[in-house]
Protein backbone atom coordinates (compact mmCIF):
# COMPACT_ATOMS: atom_id res chain seq x y z
CA MET A 1 -23.65 -6.20 65.86
CA LYS A 2 -25.44 -7.79 62.92
CA GLN A 3 -26.31 -11.46 62.63
CA ILE A 4 -23.41 -13.71 61.63
CA GLU A 5 -23.77 -14.70 57.99
CA SER A 6 -20.24 -15.70 56.91
CA VAL A 7 -17.85 -18.04 58.71
CA TYR A 8 -14.34 -19.30 58.06
CA ILE A 9 -13.11 -22.35 59.95
CA ILE A 10 -9.32 -22.63 60.10
CA GLY A 11 -8.26 -26.18 60.80
CA VAL A 12 -9.48 -29.48 59.38
CA GLY A 13 -8.69 -31.59 62.40
CA ALA A 14 -11.13 -33.27 64.79
CA LEU A 15 -12.76 -30.05 66.01
CA GLY A 16 -12.87 -28.33 62.63
CA LEU A 17 -14.68 -31.35 61.21
CA LEU A 18 -16.86 -31.69 64.29
CA TYR A 19 -18.30 -28.18 63.97
CA MET A 20 -18.32 -27.72 60.20
CA PRO A 21 -21.43 -29.87 59.47
CA PRO A 22 -23.85 -28.06 61.83
CA LEU A 23 -22.49 -24.62 60.93
CA HIS A 24 -22.59 -25.39 57.21
CA LYS A 25 -26.16 -26.64 57.59
CA ALA A 26 -27.11 -23.32 59.20
CA LEU A 27 -25.23 -21.05 56.75
CA GLY A 28 -24.77 -23.08 53.57
CA ASP A 29 -21.68 -22.26 51.52
CA ASN A 30 -21.20 -19.05 53.50
CA CYS A 31 -19.45 -21.36 55.98
CA ARG A 32 -16.13 -22.48 54.52
CA PHE A 33 -12.81 -23.89 55.57
CA LEU A 34 -10.00 -21.38 55.07
CA ALA A 35 -6.70 -22.81 53.85
CA GLY A 36 -3.33 -21.46 52.92
CA ASP A 37 -2.36 -21.59 49.25
CA ASP A 38 -0.17 -24.64 49.97
CA ARG A 39 -3.10 -26.70 51.33
CA TYR A 40 -5.97 -25.45 49.20
CA GLU A 41 -5.50 -27.87 46.31
CA ALA A 42 -5.39 -30.84 48.67
CA LEU A 43 -8.60 -29.80 50.46
CA LYS A 44 -10.87 -28.38 47.78
CA ASN A 45 -12.07 -31.74 46.42
CA ARG A 46 -11.57 -33.83 49.53
CA THR A 47 -14.43 -36.00 50.76
CA PHE A 48 -14.85 -36.32 54.52
CA THR A 49 -16.76 -39.02 56.37
CA VAL A 50 -18.56 -37.74 59.47
CA ASN A 51 -20.32 -40.41 61.54
CA GLY A 52 -20.70 -42.51 58.40
CA GLY A 53 -22.02 -39.74 56.13
CA GLU A 54 -19.92 -38.41 53.25
CA TYR A 55 -19.45 -34.64 52.82
CA ARG A 56 -17.61 -32.15 50.67
CA PHE A 57 -17.28 -28.73 52.21
CA PRO A 58 -16.40 -25.45 50.48
CA VAL A 59 -12.85 -24.19 50.92
CA ALA A 60 -11.61 -20.61 50.60
CA ARG A 61 -8.02 -20.00 49.50
CA GLU A 62 -5.78 -17.49 51.22
CA GLY A 63 -4.70 -15.89 47.94
CA ASP A 64 -8.31 -15.31 46.82
CA LEU A 65 -9.49 -13.51 49.95
CA THR A 66 -11.16 -10.15 49.34
CA GLY A 67 -13.83 -9.53 51.99
CA LYS A 68 -13.79 -10.03 55.75
CA ALA A 69 -15.60 -12.82 57.60
CA ASP A 70 -18.25 -12.18 60.26
CA LEU A 71 -16.77 -15.04 62.31
CA ILE A 72 -13.51 -16.99 62.24
CA LEU A 73 -13.41 -20.24 64.21
CA VAL A 74 -9.79 -21.19 64.90
CA ALA A 75 -9.42 -24.97 65.25
CA VAL A 76 -5.73 -25.63 64.63
CA LYS A 77 -3.27 -26.71 67.32
CA ASN A 78 -1.28 -24.23 69.36
CA MET A 79 1.98 -24.93 67.54
CA HIS A 80 0.36 -23.92 64.22
CA LEU A 81 -0.93 -20.48 65.24
CA GLU A 82 2.08 -18.65 63.79
CA GLU A 83 1.55 -20.47 60.47
CA ILE A 84 -2.04 -19.30 60.06
CA ALA A 85 -1.39 -15.72 61.17
CA PRO A 86 -0.90 -14.27 57.65
CA TYR A 87 -4.26 -15.38 56.27
CA LEU A 88 -6.01 -14.92 59.59
CA ARG A 89 -5.11 -11.23 59.30
CA LYS A 90 -6.41 -11.15 55.71
CA ALA A 91 -9.76 -12.64 56.70
CA ALA A 92 -10.33 -10.59 59.87
CA GLY A 93 -11.50 -6.98 60.15
CA LYS A 94 -12.90 -4.62 62.74
CA ASP A 95 -16.32 -6.28 62.62
CA THR A 96 -14.98 -9.84 62.74
CA ILE A 97 -15.53 -12.10 65.74
CA ILE A 98 -12.74 -14.61 66.41
CA VAL A 99 -13.31 -17.69 68.57
CA SER A 100 -10.62 -20.24 69.42
CA VAL A 101 -11.46 -23.84 70.30
CA LEU A 102 -7.80 -24.59 71.04
CA ASN A 103 -6.60 -26.31 74.17
CA GLY A 104 -4.61 -24.31 76.71
CA ILE A 105 -4.87 -20.80 78.12
CA ASP A 106 -2.78 -18.73 75.67
CA SER A 107 -4.48 -18.74 72.27
CA GLU A 108 -6.75 -15.75 72.95
CA ASP A 109 -3.73 -13.57 73.78
CA PHE A 110 -2.09 -14.56 70.49
CA LEU A 111 -5.25 -13.89 68.47
CA GLU A 112 -5.72 -10.47 70.06
CA SER A 113 -2.15 -9.47 69.22
CA CYS A 114 -2.54 -10.84 65.68
CA CYS A 115 -5.88 -9.14 64.94
CA PRO A 116 -6.20 -6.18 67.34
CA GLU A 117 -9.17 -4.64 65.50
CA SER A 118 -11.28 -7.79 65.78
CA THR A 119 -13.27 -9.06 68.77
CA VAL A 120 -11.81 -12.20 70.34
CA LEU A 121 -14.26 -14.10 72.53
CA PRO A 122 -12.59 -16.35 75.14
CA CYS A 123 -13.93 -19.86 74.72
CA ALA A 124 -13.50 -23.44 75.91
CA VAL A 125 -15.25 -26.44 74.39
CA LEU A 126 -15.99 -29.27 76.76
CA GLY A 127 -17.42 -32.78 76.62
CA MET A 128 -16.87 -33.71 72.96
CA ASP A 129 -15.38 -37.12 72.09
CA ALA A 130 -14.46 -36.88 68.41
CA VAL A 131 -11.93 -39.36 67.01
CA LYS A 132 -10.36 -38.51 63.64
CA GLU A 133 -8.60 -41.04 61.45
CA GLY A 134 -7.51 -39.70 58.08
CA ASN A 135 -10.56 -38.08 56.45
CA ARG A 136 -12.96 -39.87 58.81
CA ILE A 137 -14.38 -38.57 62.10
CA ASN A 138 -16.68 -40.30 64.57
CA PHE A 139 -18.25 -38.91 67.72
CA THR A 140 -21.18 -39.40 70.08
CA THR A 141 -21.43 -35.81 71.35
CA THR A 142 -20.43 -32.36 70.09
CA GLY A 143 -20.00 -31.14 73.66
CA LYS A 144 -20.66 -27.59 74.81
CA PHE A 145 -19.18 -24.14 74.10
CA LEU A 146 -18.30 -22.17 77.23
CA VAL A 147 -17.94 -18.63 75.92
CA SER A 148 -18.00 -15.03 77.14
CA THR A 149 -15.95 -11.83 76.90
CA LYS A 150 -12.75 -11.02 78.80
CA ASP A 151 -14.71 -8.90 81.25
CA ASN A 152 -17.68 -11.32 81.40
CA ASP A 153 -20.07 -8.89 79.71
CA ARG A 154 -23.12 -11.05 78.98
CA ASN A 155 -24.69 -8.26 76.89
CA HIS A 156 -21.80 -7.69 74.50
CA PRO A 157 -23.11 -7.62 70.90
CA ALA A 158 -20.40 -9.99 69.64
CA LEU A 159 -21.29 -12.55 72.29
CA THR A 160 -24.97 -12.25 71.43
CA ALA A 161 -24.24 -12.73 67.73
CA PHE A 162 -22.08 -15.80 68.36
CA THR A 163 -24.49 -17.54 70.71
CA ASP A 164 -27.32 -16.79 68.26
CA LEU A 165 -25.34 -18.65 65.57
CA LEU A 166 -24.73 -21.58 67.90
CA SER A 167 -28.48 -21.75 68.56
CA ARG A 168 -29.22 -21.73 64.83
CA ALA A 169 -26.69 -24.53 64.34
CA GLY A 170 -28.09 -26.61 67.20
CA LEU A 171 -24.83 -26.47 69.17
CA ALA A 172 -24.94 -26.37 72.97
CA PHE A 173 -23.41 -23.44 74.81
CA HIS A 174 -23.22 -21.78 78.20
CA VAL A 175 -22.21 -18.21 79.13
CA PRO A 176 -20.43 -18.56 82.48
CA GLY A 177 -20.01 -15.85 85.08
CA ASP A 178 -16.21 -16.28 85.12
CA ILE A 179 -14.72 -17.26 81.76
CA GLN A 180 -11.16 -17.28 83.12
CA ARG A 181 -12.15 -20.02 85.53
CA GLU A 182 -13.67 -22.04 82.67
CA LEU A 183 -10.53 -21.71 80.53
CA TRP A 184 -8.44 -23.01 83.40
CA TYR A 185 -11.00 -25.74 84.15
CA LYS A 186 -10.71 -27.02 80.57
CA TRP A 187 -6.92 -26.71 80.81
CA MET A 188 -7.01 -28.77 84.01
CA ILE A 189 -8.91 -31.50 82.16
CA ASN A 190 -6.44 -31.44 79.25
CA ILE A 191 -3.49 -31.60 81.62
CA GLY A 192 -5.07 -34.56 83.37
CA ILE A 193 -6.67 -36.84 80.80
CA ASN A 194 -4.82 -35.86 77.62
CA GLN A 195 -1.39 -36.40 79.10
CA THR A 196 -2.34 -39.51 81.08
CA SER A 197 -3.90 -41.08 78.00
CA ALA A 198 -0.78 -40.25 75.99
CA VAL A 199 1.49 -42.20 78.36
CA THR A 200 -0.92 -45.09 79.07
CA GLY A 201 -2.74 -45.48 75.74
CA ALA A 202 -6.06 -45.47 77.60
CA LYS A 203 -9.34 -44.56 75.86
CA TYR A 204 -12.20 -42.87 77.71
CA GLY A 205 -13.64 -46.27 78.62
CA GLU A 206 -10.48 -47.20 80.55
CA PHE A 207 -10.62 -43.98 82.55
CA GLN A 208 -14.25 -44.73 83.38
CA LYS A 209 -13.43 -48.09 85.00
CA GLU A 210 -9.69 -48.22 85.86
CA GLU A 211 -8.91 -46.50 89.15
CA ASP A 212 -5.14 -46.40 88.51
CA ALA A 213 -5.58 -44.44 85.28
CA PHE A 214 -8.17 -42.19 86.89
CA ASP A 215 -6.01 -41.51 89.95
CA LEU A 216 -2.97 -40.55 87.84
CA MET A 217 -5.19 -38.17 85.87
CA LYS A 218 -6.60 -36.77 89.13
CA GLU A 219 -3.13 -36.12 90.58
CA ALA A 220 -2.12 -34.14 87.48
CA MET A 221 -5.34 -32.14 87.81
CA GLU A 222 -4.75 -31.46 91.51
CA GLU A 223 -1.41 -29.87 90.69
CA THR A 224 -3.23 -27.61 88.20
CA ILE A 225 -5.67 -26.57 90.92
CA ARG A 226 -2.82 -25.63 93.27
CA VAL A 227 -1.11 -23.54 90.56
CA ALA A 228 -4.43 -21.89 89.69
CA ARG A 229 -5.01 -20.85 93.28
CA ALA A 230 -1.53 -19.34 93.44
CA ALA A 231 -2.33 -17.44 90.23
CA GLY A 232 -5.60 -16.11 91.67
CA VAL A 233 -7.85 -18.32 89.52
CA ASP A 234 -10.94 -19.89 91.11
CA LEU A 235 -10.33 -23.60 90.62
CA ARG A 236 -11.56 -25.87 93.41
CA ASP A 237 -10.90 -29.33 94.81
CA GLU A 238 -14.34 -30.49 93.73
CA ASP A 239 -13.70 -29.56 90.08
CA HIS A 240 -12.12 -32.91 89.26
CA ILE A 241 -15.21 -34.56 90.78
CA ALA A 242 -17.45 -32.59 88.42
CA TRP A 243 -15.23 -33.71 85.54
CA ARG A 244 -15.80 -37.36 86.45
CA LYS A 245 -19.50 -36.94 85.64
CA ILE A 246 -18.63 -35.53 82.20
CA LEU A 247 -16.09 -38.30 81.63
CA HIS A 248 -18.76 -40.96 82.08
CA SER A 249 -20.90 -39.31 79.39
CA LEU A 250 -18.24 -39.84 76.72
CA GLY A 251 -18.09 -42.77 74.31
CA LYS A 252 -15.97 -45.62 75.68
CA GLU A 253 -14.00 -45.91 72.42
CA GLY A 254 -13.28 -42.18 72.29
CA LYS A 255 -9.68 -40.97 72.47
CA THR A 256 -8.13 -37.71 73.57
CA SER A 257 -6.45 -35.56 70.94
CA MET A 258 -3.06 -36.19 72.53
CA LEU A 259 -3.48 -39.97 72.39
CA GLN A 260 -4.49 -39.64 68.73
CA ASP A 261 -1.35 -37.56 68.10
CA MET A 262 0.81 -40.10 69.90
CA GLU A 263 -0.61 -43.00 67.92
CA ALA A 264 -0.04 -41.12 64.65
CA GLY A 265 3.53 -40.19 65.54
CA ARG A 266 2.74 -36.47 65.62
CA LYS A 267 4.17 -33.81 67.93
CA THR A 268 1.81 -33.23 70.86
CA GLU A 269 0.76 -30.11 72.78
CA VAL A 270 2.65 -31.15 75.92
CA ASP A 271 4.55 -27.83 75.96
CA TYR A 272 1.19 -26.04 76.30
CA PHE A 273 -0.01 -28.41 79.04
CA ALA A 274 2.62 -29.72 81.46
CA GLY A 275 5.30 -27.43 80.04
CA LYS A 276 3.26 -24.31 80.74
CA LEU A 277 2.09 -25.57 84.14
CA ILE A 278 5.62 -26.44 85.25
CA SER A 279 6.80 -22.95 84.24
CA LEU A 280 3.95 -21.25 86.11
CA GLY A 281 4.45 -23.49 89.13
CA LYS A 282 8.11 -22.57 89.31
CA LYS A 283 7.26 -18.87 89.07
CA LEU A 284 4.57 -19.13 91.76
CA GLY A 285 6.41 -21.50 94.09
CA VAL A 286 4.17 -24.54 93.50
CA GLU A 287 5.68 -28.00 93.02
CA THR A 288 4.42 -30.04 90.03
CA PRO A 289 6.16 -33.45 90.23
CA VAL A 290 3.43 -35.47 88.47
CA ASN A 291 3.40 -33.10 85.51
CA ARG A 292 7.19 -33.08 85.39
CA ALA A 293 7.14 -36.85 85.04
CA LEU A 294 4.38 -36.78 82.40
CA TYR A 295 6.27 -34.09 80.49
CA ARG A 296 9.49 -36.12 80.41
CA ILE A 297 7.74 -39.31 79.32
CA ILE A 298 5.80 -37.61 76.52
CA ARG A 299 8.81 -35.66 75.24
CA THR A 300 10.89 -38.85 75.28
CA ARG A 301 8.26 -40.66 73.22
CA GLU A 302 8.07 -37.72 70.79
CA ASN A 303 11.85 -37.85 70.32
CA LEU A 304 11.55 -41.50 69.35
CA PHE A 305 9.21 -40.61 66.46
CA SER A 306 12.13 -39.35 64.40
């Protein structure tokens, strides 16, 4: 597969804005946000502030699409996948690589069904601490891409092309031996810290020093590990210990995406975290009482938004 020269990023949230500057620096205006016709006008002249610097990034409009992208980076939330499907299909072809940086364990299946001719690389991004407020984003680390193919083929041309682009952009990555484990590992983290932060209001700094917050997060993670084992996924008891080391590398004022959603009065991804885990646990005969409680609290708070 040839070198990646054109990229569309779908999603102008925390992760879209986190990865646009380094990718745009590597590719110039061949790296663009892709927006539906309804959002294009609002985005095309928008100025974004990234760690204090002001940027305007090129935006492609759904209705103007003609060619196919070499790479599409999907950075919306799970509940918006159906909305982007029409222009995702327009932008993707048989030689297009699609990478999702979404939370959860389902987005790759959706993308494969939406664009069956394209190559979808399973991916999890870990260790970033971006906080987005309006058009402003601040972070101390861009984290790391954990990426491979469904069958863990390290020599796949699409994987080589994508990791080459990450190297050119100065973004950290790792090709693991078992990508399914890594997807579930990231999901375990989301289930733990995202949901616990949403109900407590705790930033990363509180989780670094408050044992009560950390223990609640840990208990939610331990339920994920038990469900994973029942599903035949290699999660381990020591995985939440490894996460603690990553947690202490994050900026103390950083916030999870779910806490940011809660503070802004937006619908969260709880259905894709606790909701999905509870459903799998029921199917596999694994009790998930901590996640049931977190789910009910978060859904109750969401219902109060309206």
